[in-house]
Amino acid sequence: MAQAKTLNQSEIDMVLRYISTKQKYSTRNRAMLLTSYWGGMRVGEIAALRICDVRNEDGSVKSEIRLSANQTKGNKGRVVFINEKLRTELAAYLKHYSPKDTSLPLFATEKSKGFSANTLTQWFFWLYRKAGVSGASSHSGRRTYATGIASKGTSLRVLMRLMGHKSVSTTAIYVDANDDMLRKAVELV
């Protein structure tokens, strides 16, 4: 099976532009997409998020999301560190969607229930296809996240923890080496 495509900024912008044309769920769709790119979360983890996982009691967005074992792959809980950009996006989304019951799914479907991992995988597939980005899948955000962090010189062990992997060799598979990374690397000598 081929690896998911790592997207460049132009392709991400293309998808964000497409999302902005779909008025009804554009805020939710943007937040889901950016949770993948800026949070590095698996599609099943995104589908399993509840409002209480993300929002503090005072209404602010948490800087760390604590996922339980049943929300993750491998039946082991993990912490997802949320950067300021993603916290801002999630706060904007929660201004539009803020039910009183915080145990509800963070990303509700049209029928007010949450996505399953499978339906969210399909959602990403069709989103990329309709936006004109070929070769992308629900895993593209996660791979783009890993490659972006690695390109900044973050150690593979730190990246492994951020990705929720048990092995550095698994993490290494996620990182693409692009020409820009190679140019920067040779300048380190």
N, C-alpha and C. Protein backbone atom coordinates (compact mmCIF):
# COMPACT_ATOMS: atom_id res chain seq x y z
N MET A 1 0.84 -1.18 0.00
CA MET A 1 0.00 0.00 0.00
C MET A 1 0.88 1.24 0.00
N ALA A 2 0.58 2.18 -0.85
CA ALA A 2 1.37 3.40 -0.96
C ALA A 2 1.15 4.29 0.26
N GLN A 3 2.20 5.03 0.61
CA GLN A 3 2.09 5.97 1.73
C GLN A 3 1.24 7.16 1.32
N ALA A 4 0.61 7.75 2.32
CA ALA A 4 -0.18 8.95 2.07
C ALA A 4 0.74 10.08 1.61
N LYS A 5 0.21 10.92 0.80
CA LYS A 5 0.97 12.05 0.27
C LYS A 5 1.21 13.09 1.36
N THR A 6 2.43 13.63 1.38
CA THR A 6 2.74 14.78 2.22
C THR A 6 2.46 16.01 1.39
N LEU A 7 1.64 16.91 1.92
CA LEU A 7 1.23 18.09 1.15
C LEU A 7 2.16 19.27 1.37
N ASN A 8 2.32 20.08 0.34
CA ASN A 8 3.07 21.33 0.48
C ASN A 8 2.07 22.44 0.82
N GLN A 9 2.58 23.61 1.14
CA GLN A 9 1.71 24.71 1.58
C GLN A 9 0.73 25.12 0.49
N SER A 10 1.13 25.06 -0.75
CA SER A 10 0.24 25.41 -1.85
C SER A 10 -0.97 24.47 -1.89
N GLU A 11 -0.74 23.18 -1.69
CA GLU A 11 -1.83 22.20 -1.70
C GLU A 11 -2.74 22.39 -0.49
N ILE A 12 -2.16 22.68 0.67
CA ILE A 12 -2.97 22.93 1.86
C ILE A 12 -3.84 24.17 1.63
N ASP A 13 -3.26 25.21 1.06
CA ASP A 13 -4.02 26.43 0.77
C ASP A 13 -5.15 26.15 -0.22
N MET A 14 -4.90 25.26 -1.17
CA MET A 14 -5.91 24.88 -2.15
C MET A 14 -7.12 24.24 -1.44
N VAL A 15 -6.83 23.36 -0.49
CA VAL A 15 -7.90 22.69 0.25
C VAL A 15 -8.64 23.70 1.13
N LEU A 16 -7.91 24.58 1.79
CA LEU A 16 -8.55 25.60 2.62
C LEU A 16 -9.43 26.54 1.80
N ARG A 17 -8.99 26.87 0.59
CA ARG A 17 -9.82 27.70 -0.29
C ARG A 17 -11.10 26.96 -0.66
N TYR A 18 -10.97 25.67 -0.96
CA TYR A 18 -12.16 24.88 -1.30
C TYR A 18 -13.13 24.85 -0.11
N ILE A 19 -12.60 24.62 1.08
CA ILE A 19 -13.44 24.58 2.28
C ILE A 19 -14.18 25.91 2.47
N SER A 20 -13.51 27.01 2.20
CA SER A 20 -14.12 28.32 2.42
C SER A 20 -15.31 28.57 1.49
N THR A 21 -15.41 27.82 0.40
CA THR A 21 -16.54 27.98 -0.52
C THR A 21 -17.76 27.21 -0.06
N LYS A 22 -17.59 26.30 0.88
CA LYS A 22 -18.69 25.48 1.40
C LYS A 22 -19.17 26.10 2.71
N GLN A 23 -20.08 27.04 2.62
CA GLN A 23 -20.48 27.87 3.75
C GLN A 23 -21.06 27.11 4.95
N LYS A 24 -21.89 26.11 4.72
CA LYS A 24 -22.65 25.49 5.81
C LYS A 24 -21.76 24.90 6.91
N TYR A 25 -20.70 24.22 6.55
CA TYR A 25 -19.85 23.57 7.55
C TYR A 25 -18.39 24.01 7.44
N SER A 26 -18.14 25.17 6.87
CA SER A 26 -16.76 25.58 6.60
C SER A 26 -15.92 25.71 7.88
N THR A 27 -16.49 26.21 8.95
CA THR A 27 -15.72 26.36 10.19
C THR A 27 -15.36 25.00 10.76
N ARG A 28 -16.32 24.09 10.78
CA ARG A 28 -16.04 22.73 11.25
C ARG A 28 -15.03 22.04 10.36
N ASN A 29 -15.21 22.12 9.06
CA ASN A 29 -14.32 21.44 8.12
C ASN A 29 -12.90 21.96 8.20
N ARG A 30 -12.76 23.27 8.34
CA ARG A 30 -11.44 23.87 8.49
C ARG A 30 -10.78 23.36 9.78
N ALA A 31 -11.54 23.34 10.87
CA ALA A 31 -11.00 22.87 12.16
C ALA A 31 -10.60 21.40 12.08
N MET A 32 -11.39 20.56 11.41
CA MET A 32 -11.03 19.14 11.28
C MET A 32 -9.74 18.98 10.48
N LEU A 33 -9.66 19.68 9.36
CA LEU A 33 -8.48 19.60 8.51
C LEU A 33 -7.24 20.05 9.29
N LEU A 34 -7.33 21.19 9.95
CA LEU A 34 -6.16 21.73 10.65
C LEU A 34 -5.81 20.93 11.91
N THR A 35 -6.78 20.21 12.48
CA THR A 35 -6.46 19.31 13.59
C THR A 35 -5.55 18.20 13.09
N SER A 36 -5.77 17.79 11.87
CA SER A 36 -4.91 16.78 11.24
C SER A 36 -3.51 17.34 10.98
N TYR A 37 -3.43 18.54 10.39
CA TYR A 37 -2.14 19.13 10.01
C TYR A 37 -1.35 19.69 11.18
N TRP A 38 -2.03 20.34 12.10
CA TRP A 38 -1.33 21.03 13.19
C TRP A 38 -1.32 20.24 14.49
N GLY A 39 -2.13 19.19 14.56
CA GLY A 39 -2.15 18.34 15.76
C GLY A 39 -1.50 16.99 15.52
N GLY A 40 -1.37 16.62 14.25
CA GLY A 40 -0.75 15.34 13.91
C GLY A 40 -1.55 14.13 14.39
N MET A 41 -2.84 14.33 14.58
CA MET A 41 -3.66 13.25 15.12
C MET A 41 -4.11 12.29 14.02
N ARG A 42 -4.28 11.05 14.43
CA ARG A 42 -4.83 10.03 13.54
C ARG A 42 -6.30 10.35 13.28
N VAL A 43 -6.81 9.90 12.15
CA VAL A 43 -8.20 10.17 11.80
C VAL A 43 -9.15 9.58 12.85
N GLY A 44 -8.83 8.42 13.39
CA GLY A 44 -9.67 7.82 14.43
C GLY A 44 -9.66 8.64 15.72
N GLU A 45 -8.53 9.27 16.01
CA GLU A 45 -8.44 10.12 17.19
C GLU A 45 -9.26 11.39 17.01
N ILE A 46 -9.21 11.95 15.82
CA ILE A 46 -10.00 13.15 15.53
C ILE A 46 -11.49 12.82 15.64
N ALA A 47 -11.89 11.68 15.08
CA ALA A 47 -13.29 11.26 15.14
C ALA A 47 -13.74 11.02 16.58
N ALA A 48 -12.84 10.56 17.44
CA ALA A 48 -13.19 10.23 18.83
C ALA A 48 -13.18 11.43 19.77
N LEU A 49 -12.72 12.59 19.30
CA LEU A 49 -12.67 13.76 20.18
C LEU A 49 -14.05 14.19 20.64
N ARG A 50 -14.13 14.53 21.91
CA ARG A 50 -15.34 15.10 22.48
C ARG A 50 -15.04 16.55 22.87
N ILE A 51 -16.05 17.33 23.04
CA ILE A 51 -15.86 18.74 23.41
C ILE A 51 -15.05 18.84 24.70
N CYS A 52 -15.36 18.01 25.69
CA CYS A 52 -14.66 18.06 26.97
C CYS A 52 -13.18 17.69 26.86
N ASP A 53 -12.79 17.01 25.80
CA ASP A 53 -11.37 16.68 25.59
C ASP A 53 -10.58 17.93 25.20
N VAL A 54 -11.26 18.90 24.61
CA VAL A 54 -10.60 20.04 23.99
C VAL A 54 -10.84 21.35 24.74
N ARG A 55 -12.00 21.47 25.35
CA ARG A 55 -12.37 22.75 25.98
C ARG A 55 -12.27 22.68 27.50
N ASN A 56 -11.63 23.70 28.08
CA ASN A 56 -11.58 23.84 29.53
C ASN A 56 -12.94 24.30 30.05
N GLU A 57 -13.16 24.21 31.35
CA GLU A 57 -14.44 24.63 31.93
C GLU A 57 -14.72 26.12 31.70
N ASP A 58 -13.67 26.94 31.60
CA ASP A 58 -13.87 28.37 31.37
C ASP A 58 -14.12 28.71 29.90
N GLY A 59 -14.16 27.68 29.05
CA GLY A 59 -14.44 27.88 27.62
C GLY A 59 -13.21 27.98 26.76
N SER A 60 -12.03 28.13 27.34
CA SER A 60 -10.79 28.20 26.56
C SER A 60 -10.41 26.82 26.04
N VAL A 61 -9.54 26.80 25.05
CA VAL A 61 -9.09 25.54 24.46
C VAL A 61 -7.83 25.07 25.18
N LYS A 62 -7.82 23.80 25.49
CA LYS A 62 -6.69 23.20 26.22
C LYS A 62 -5.41 23.23 25.37
N SER A 63 -4.29 23.30 26.03
CA SER A 63 -3.00 23.23 25.34
C SER A 63 -2.53 21.78 25.21
N GLU A 64 -3.17 20.89 25.95
CA GLU A 64 -2.87 19.46 25.87
C GLU A 64 -4.18 18.69 25.86
N ILE A 65 -4.32 17.80 24.91
CA ILE A 65 -5.49 16.94 24.85
C ILE A 65 -5.07 15.56 25.34
N ARG A 66 -5.73 15.09 26.36
CA ARG A 66 -5.42 13.77 26.92
C ARG A 66 -6.40 12.76 26.34
N LEU A 67 -5.89 11.92 25.47
CA LEU A 67 -6.72 10.91 24.83
C LEU A 67 -6.68 9.63 25.66
N SER A 68 -7.84 9.05 25.87
CA SER A 68 -7.91 7.79 26.61
C SER A 68 -7.53 6.63 25.68
N ALA A 69 -7.31 5.48 26.27
CA ALA A 69 -6.91 4.30 25.49
C ALA A 69 -7.94 3.95 24.42
N ASN A 70 -9.22 4.16 24.69
CA ASN A 70 -10.23 3.81 23.68
C ASN A 70 -10.34 4.85 22.57
N GLN A 71 -9.63 5.96 22.68
CA GLN A 71 -9.63 6.98 21.62
C GLN A 71 -8.41 6.87 20.72
N THR A 72 -7.48 6.00 21.03
CA THR A 72 -6.21 5.92 20.30
C THR A 72 -5.99 4.55 19.67
N LYS A 73 -4.97 4.49 18.87
CA LYS A 73 -4.54 3.23 18.28
C LYS A 73 -3.64 2.53 19.30
N GLY A 74 -3.71 1.23 19.38
CA GLY A 74 -2.83 0.49 20.28
C GLY A 74 -3.32 0.43 21.71
N ASN A 75 -4.54 0.90 21.96
CA ASN A 75 -5.15 0.78 23.28
C ASN A 75 -4.29 1.36 24.40
N LYS A 76 -3.62 2.48 24.11
CA LYS A 76 -2.81 3.15 25.10
C LYS A 76 -3.07 4.66 24.99
N GLY A 77 -3.46 5.28 26.10
CA GLY A 77 -3.73 6.71 26.08
C GLY A 77 -2.48 7.51 25.72
N ARG A 78 -2.70 8.74 25.28
CA ARG A 78 -1.57 9.61 24.97
C ARG A 78 -1.98 11.07 25.10
N VAL A 79 -0.98 11.93 25.17
CA VAL A 79 -1.21 13.37 25.24
C VAL A 79 -0.86 13.98 23.89
N VAL A 80 -1.76 14.80 23.38
CA VAL A 80 -1.51 15.54 22.14
C VAL A 80 -1.31 17.00 22.53
N PHE A 81 -0.14 17.52 22.22
CA PHE A 81 0.18 18.92 22.53
C PHE A 81 -0.36 19.80 21.41
N ILE A 82 -1.10 20.82 21.78
CA ILE A 82 -1.78 21.67 20.82
C ILE A 82 -1.06 23.02 20.72
N ASN A 83 -0.63 23.37 19.52
CA ASN A 83 0.05 24.65 19.34
C ASN A 83 -0.96 25.80 19.31
N GLU A 84 -0.45 27.00 19.40
CA GLU A 84 -1.30 28.18 19.49
C GLU A 84 -2.18 28.35 18.25
N LYS A 85 -1.64 28.03 17.06
CA LYS A 85 -2.43 28.16 15.83
C LYS A 85 -3.67 27.27 15.89
N LEU A 86 -3.48 26.03 16.32
CA LEU A 86 -4.61 25.10 16.38
C LEU A 86 -5.57 25.49 17.50
N ARG A 87 -5.05 25.96 18.61
CA ARG A 87 -5.93 26.41 19.69
C ARG A 87 -6.83 27.55 19.21
N THR A 88 -6.28 28.45 18.42
CA THR A 88 -7.06 29.57 17.87
C THR A 88 -8.15 29.05 16.93
N GLU A 89 -7.80 28.09 16.06
CA GLU A 89 -8.79 27.51 15.13
C GLU A 89 -9.90 26.80 15.88
N LEU A 90 -9.54 26.01 16.89
CA LEU A 90 -10.55 25.27 17.64
C LEU A 90 -11.44 26.22 18.43
N ALA A 91 -10.87 27.31 18.95
CA ALA A 91 -11.67 28.31 19.67
C ALA A 91 -12.68 28.96 18.71
N ALA A 92 -12.24 29.27 17.50
CA ALA A 92 -13.14 29.87 16.50
C ALA A 92 -14.27 28.90 16.17
N TYR A 93 -13.94 27.63 16.04
CA TYR A 93 -14.96 26.62 15.76
C TYR A 93 -15.94 26.50 16.92
N LEU A 94 -15.43 26.49 18.15
CA LEU A 94 -16.30 26.31 19.32
C LEU A 94 -17.19 27.52 19.59
N LYS A 95 -16.89 28.66 18.96
CA LYS A 95 -17.80 29.80 19.06
C LYS A 95 -19.07 29.52 18.28
N HIS A 96 -18.94 28.72 17.20
CA HIS A 96 -20.10 28.38 16.35
C HIS A 96 -20.81 27.11 16.82
N TYR A 97 -20.08 26.24 17.48
CA TYR A 97 -20.64 24.96 17.92
C TYR A 97 -20.28 24.78 19.39
N SER A 98 -21.23 25.02 20.25
CA SER A 98 -20.95 24.96 21.68
C SER A 98 -22.15 24.44 22.46
N PRO A 99 -22.51 23.19 22.26
CA PRO A 99 -23.64 22.63 23.02
C PRO A 99 -23.29 22.54 24.51
N LYS A 100 -24.30 22.52 25.34
CA LYS A 100 -24.09 22.45 26.79
C LYS A 100 -23.49 21.11 27.22
N ASP A 101 -23.87 20.05 26.53
CA ASP A 101 -23.36 18.71 26.86
C ASP A 101 -21.96 18.54 26.27
N THR A 102 -20.94 18.65 27.11
CA THR A 102 -19.56 18.59 26.63
C THR A 102 -19.07 17.18 26.35
N SER A 103 -19.92 16.18 26.60
CA SER A 103 -19.53 14.81 26.25
C SER A 103 -19.86 14.49 24.80
N LEU A 104 -20.48 15.43 24.10
CA LEU A 104 -20.81 15.23 22.69
C LEU A 104 -19.55 15.27 21.83
N PRO A 105 -19.60 14.67 20.64
CA PRO A 105 -18.44 14.71 19.74
C PRO A 105 -18.05 16.15 19.42
N LEU A 106 -16.75 16.39 19.32
CA LEU A 106 -16.26 17.72 18.95
C LEU A 106 -16.71 18.09 17.54
N PHE A 107 -16.62 17.13 16.64
CA PHE A 107 -16.99 17.38 15.25
C PHE A 107 -18.26 16.59 14.93
N ALA A 108 -19.38 17.29 14.96
CA ALA A 108 -20.67 16.65 14.71
C ALA A 108 -20.94 16.57 13.21
N THR A 109 -21.66 15.54 12.83
CA THR A 109 -22.09 15.39 11.44
C THR A 109 -23.39 16.16 11.25
N GLU A 110 -23.89 16.11 10.04
CA GLU A 110 -25.14 16.79 9.71
C GLU A 110 -26.29 16.31 10.59
N LYS A 111 -26.24 15.06 11.01
CA LYS A 111 -27.30 14.48 11.84
C LYS A 111 -26.98 14.62 13.33
N SER A 112 -26.05 15.52 13.67
CA SER A 112 -25.68 15.84 15.05
C SER A 112 -25.03 14.69 15.81
N LYS A 113 -24.53 13.74 15.10
CA LYS A 113 -23.75 12.70 15.77
C LYS A 113 -22.31 12.84 15.29
N GLY A 114 -21.40 12.13 15.90
CA GLY A 114 -20.01 12.24 15.51
C GLY A 114 -19.66 11.37 14.32
N PHE A 115 -18.53 11.67 13.72
CA PHE A 115 -17.98 10.85 12.66
C PHE A 115 -17.41 9.57 13.27
N SER A 116 -17.46 8.50 12.52
CA SER A 116 -16.68 7.31 12.89
C SER A 116 -15.33 7.47 12.19
N ALA A 117 -14.36 6.66 12.57
CA ALA A 117 -13.06 6.72 11.89
C ALA A 117 -13.24 6.48 10.39
N ASN A 118 -14.12 5.55 10.03
CA ASN A 118 -14.35 5.23 8.63
C ASN A 118 -15.03 6.39 7.88
N THR A 119 -16.06 6.97 8.46
CA THR A 119 -16.74 8.07 7.75
C THR A 119 -15.83 9.30 7.64
N LEU A 120 -14.98 9.53 8.64
CA LEU A 120 -14.05 10.66 8.55
C LEU A 120 -12.95 10.39 7.52
N THR A 121 -12.53 9.14 7.41
CA THR A 121 -11.56 8.76 6.37
C THR A 121 -12.15 9.06 4.99
N GLN A 122 -13.40 8.68 4.80
CA GLN A 122 -14.08 8.95 3.53
C GLN A 122 -14.25 10.45 3.31
N TRP A 123 -14.56 11.18 4.35
CA TRP A 123 -14.71 12.63 4.26
C TRP A 123 -13.42 13.27 3.75
N PHE A 124 -12.28 12.88 4.34
CA PHE A 124 -10.99 13.41 3.89
C PHE A 124 -10.71 13.05 2.43
N PHE A 125 -10.99 11.80 2.06
CA PHE A 125 -10.77 11.37 0.69
C PHE A 125 -11.51 12.28 -0.29
N TRP A 126 -12.81 12.51 -0.03
CA TRP A 126 -13.62 13.32 -0.94
C TRP A 126 -13.25 14.79 -0.86
N LEU A 127 -12.85 15.26 0.31
CA LEU A 127 -12.42 16.65 0.44
C LEU A 127 -11.23 16.92 -0.48
N TYR A 128 -10.20 16.07 -0.38
CA TYR A 128 -9.01 16.27 -1.22
C TYR A 128 -9.34 16.14 -2.70
N ARG A 129 -10.16 15.17 -3.02
CA ARG A 129 -10.52 14.96 -4.42
C ARG A 129 -11.26 16.17 -4.98
N LYS A 130 -12.26 16.67 -4.24
CA LYS A 130 -13.04 17.82 -4.70
C LYS A 130 -12.20 19.10 -4.74
N ALA A 131 -11.18 19.17 -3.86
CA ALA A 131 -10.31 20.35 -3.83
C ALA A 131 -9.24 20.29 -4.93
N GLY A 132 -9.13 19.13 -5.62
CA GLY A 132 -8.18 19.00 -6.72
C GLY A 132 -6.77 18.58 -6.31
N VAL A 133 -6.65 17.97 -5.12
CA VAL A 133 -5.35 17.50 -4.64
C VAL A 133 -5.32 15.98 -4.80
N SER A 134 -4.52 15.49 -5.75
CA SER A 134 -4.49 14.05 -5.99
C SER A 134 -3.47 13.37 -5.08
N GLY A 135 -3.77 12.13 -4.75
CA GLY A 135 -2.86 11.31 -3.95
C GLY A 135 -2.93 11.54 -2.46
N ALA A 136 -3.77 12.47 -2.00
CA ALA A 136 -3.88 12.75 -0.57
C ALA A 136 -4.94 11.85 0.05
N SER A 137 -4.77 11.58 1.34
CA SER A 137 -5.72 10.75 2.08
C SER A 137 -5.86 11.27 3.50
N SER A 138 -6.63 10.58 4.30
CA SER A 138 -6.85 10.98 5.68
C SER A 138 -5.55 10.99 6.48
N HIS A 139 -4.55 10.33 6.00
CA HIS A 139 -3.25 10.27 6.69
C HIS A 139 -2.30 11.38 6.24
N SER A 140 -2.67 12.13 5.22
CA SER A 140 -1.79 13.18 4.68
C SER A 140 -1.49 14.27 5.70
N GLY A 141 -2.47 14.66 6.49
CA GLY A 141 -2.24 15.68 7.50
C GLY A 141 -1.21 15.23 8.52
N ARG A 142 -1.32 14.00 8.95
CA ARG A 142 -0.39 13.44 9.93
C ARG A 142 1.04 13.35 9.36
N ARG A 143 1.16 12.94 8.12
CA ARG A 143 2.49 12.87 7.49
C ARG A 143 3.07 14.26 7.26
N THR A 144 2.22 15.21 6.89
CA THR A 144 2.67 16.58 6.68
C THR A 144 3.13 17.18 8.01
N TYR A 145 2.41 16.89 9.08
CA TYR A 145 2.77 17.33 10.43
C TYR A 145 4.16 16.80 10.80
N ALA A 146 4.37 15.51 10.62
CA ALA A 146 5.65 14.88 10.98
C ALA A 146 6.80 15.45 10.16
N THR A 147 6.59 15.59 8.87
CA THR A 147 7.64 16.12 7.99
C THR A 147 7.96 17.57 8.34
N GLY A 148 6.93 18.35 8.63
CA GLY A 148 7.14 19.75 8.99
C GLY A 148 7.95 19.91 10.27
N ILE A 149 7.64 19.11 11.26
CA ILE A 149 8.38 19.19 12.53
C ILE A 149 9.81 18.69 12.34
N ALA A 150 9.98 17.61 11.59
CA ALA A 150 11.32 17.08 11.34
C ALA A 150 12.18 18.09 10.58
N SER A 151 11.57 18.83 9.67
CA SER A 151 12.32 19.79 8.86
C SER A 151 12.85 20.95 9.70
N LYS A 152 12.30 21.13 10.88
CA LYS A 152 12.77 22.19 11.78
C LYS A 152 13.90 21.70 12.69
N GLY A 153 14.31 20.45 12.50
CA GLY A 153 15.44 19.92 13.27
C GLY A 153 15.06 19.22 14.56
N THR A 154 13.80 18.93 14.76
CA THR A 154 13.36 18.22 15.95
C THR A 154 13.87 16.79 15.91
N SER A 155 14.33 16.31 17.04
CA SER A 155 14.87 14.94 17.08
C SER A 155 13.78 13.92 16.80
N LEU A 156 14.19 12.80 16.26
CA LEU A 156 13.25 11.73 15.93
C LEU A 156 12.57 11.19 17.19
N ARG A 157 13.28 11.18 18.30
CA ARG A 157 12.70 10.68 19.55
C ARG A 157 11.58 11.60 20.05
N VAL A 158 11.78 12.92 19.95
CA VAL A 158 10.73 13.86 20.32
C VAL A 158 9.54 13.71 19.37
N LEU A 159 9.81 13.61 18.09
CA LEU A 159 8.75 13.42 17.10
C LEU A 159 8.00 12.12 17.37
N MET A 160 8.70 11.08 17.75
CA MET A 160 8.06 9.79 18.07
C MET A 160 7.02 9.98 19.18
N ARG A 161 7.38 10.71 20.21
CA ARG A 161 6.46 10.96 21.32
C ARG A 161 5.27 11.80 20.87
N LEU A 162 5.53 12.83 20.05
CA LEU A 162 4.45 13.67 19.55
C LEU A 162 3.46 12.88 18.70
N MET A 163 3.96 11.92 17.95
CA MET A 163 3.12 11.11 17.06
C MET A 163 2.39 9.99 17.81
N GLY A 164 2.84 9.69 19.02
CA GLY A 164 2.22 8.60 19.78
C GLY A 164 2.69 7.24 19.32
N HIS A 165 3.90 7.17 18.78
CA HIS A 165 4.46 5.89 18.33
C HIS A 165 5.24 5.22 19.45
N LYS A 166 5.35 3.91 19.37
CA LYS A 166 6.16 3.14 20.32
C LYS A 166 7.58 2.96 19.83
N SER A 167 7.81 3.18 18.52
CA SER A 167 9.11 2.90 17.92
C SER A 167 9.56 4.04 17.01
N VAL A 168 10.82 4.38 17.10
CA VAL A 168 11.41 5.41 16.24
C VAL A 168 11.34 4.98 14.78
N SER A 169 11.45 3.69 14.53
CA SER A 169 11.41 3.22 13.14
C SER A 169 10.04 3.47 12.50
N THR A 170 8.98 3.41 13.29
CA THR A 170 7.66 3.73 12.77
C THR A 170 7.59 5.22 12.42
N THR A 171 8.11 6.05 13.31
CA THR A 171 8.10 7.50 13.08
C THR A 171 8.89 7.87 11.83
N ALA A 172 10.02 7.21 11.63
CA ALA A 172 10.88 7.52 10.48
C ALA A 172 10.14 7.35 9.16
N ILE A 173 9.20 6.43 9.11
CA ILE A 173 8.43 6.18 7.89
C ILE A 173 7.58 7.40 7.51
N TYR A 174 7.17 8.19 8.51
CA TYR A 174 6.29 9.32 8.29
C TYR A 174 6.98 10.53 7.69
N VAL A 175 8.28 10.62 7.83
CA VAL A 175 9.01 11.83 7.46
C VAL A 175 9.51 11.73 6.02
N ASP A 176 9.07 12.68 5.20
CA ASP A 176 9.59 12.79 3.84
C ASP A 176 10.82 13.66 3.86
N ALA A 177 11.79 13.34 3.04
CA ALA A 177 12.97 14.20 2.88
C ALA A 177 12.79 14.94 1.56
N ASN A 178 12.47 16.22 1.65
CA ASN A 178 12.29 16.99 0.42
C ASN A 178 13.56 17.79 0.12
N ASP A 179 13.61 18.38 -1.06
CA ASP A 179 14.81 19.10 -1.50
C ASP A 179 15.18 20.24 -0.55
N ASP A 180 14.19 20.94 -0.02
CA ASP A 180 14.49 22.03 0.90
C ASP A 180 15.18 21.52 2.17
N MET A 181 14.73 20.39 2.68
CA MET A 181 15.37 19.79 3.85
C MET A 181 16.81 19.38 3.54
N LEU A 182 17.02 18.85 2.36
CA LEU A 182 18.37 18.43 1.97
C LEU A 182 19.29 19.62 1.83
N ARG A 183 18.79 20.72 1.23
CA ARG A 183 19.59 21.95 1.11
C ARG A 183 20.02 22.47 2.47
N LYS A 184 19.09 22.51 3.40
CA LYS A 184 19.39 22.99 4.75
C LYS A 184 20.38 22.07 5.45
N ALA A 185 20.24 20.78 5.24
CA ALA A 185 21.12 19.81 5.90
C ALA A 185 22.58 19.96 5.46
N VAL A 186 22.81 20.17 4.17
CA VAL A 186 24.20 20.27 3.71
C VAL A 186 24.86 21.55 4.23
N GLU A 187 24.06 22.56 4.58
CA GLU A 187 24.62 23.80 5.11
C GLU A 187 25.05 23.65 6.57
N LEU A 188 24.69 22.54 7.20
CA LEU A 188 25.08 22.30 8.59
C LEU A 188 26.53 21.85 8.72
N VAL A 189 27.14 21.44 7.61
CA VAL A 189 28.52 20.94 7.63
C VAL A 189 29.49 22.08 7.82
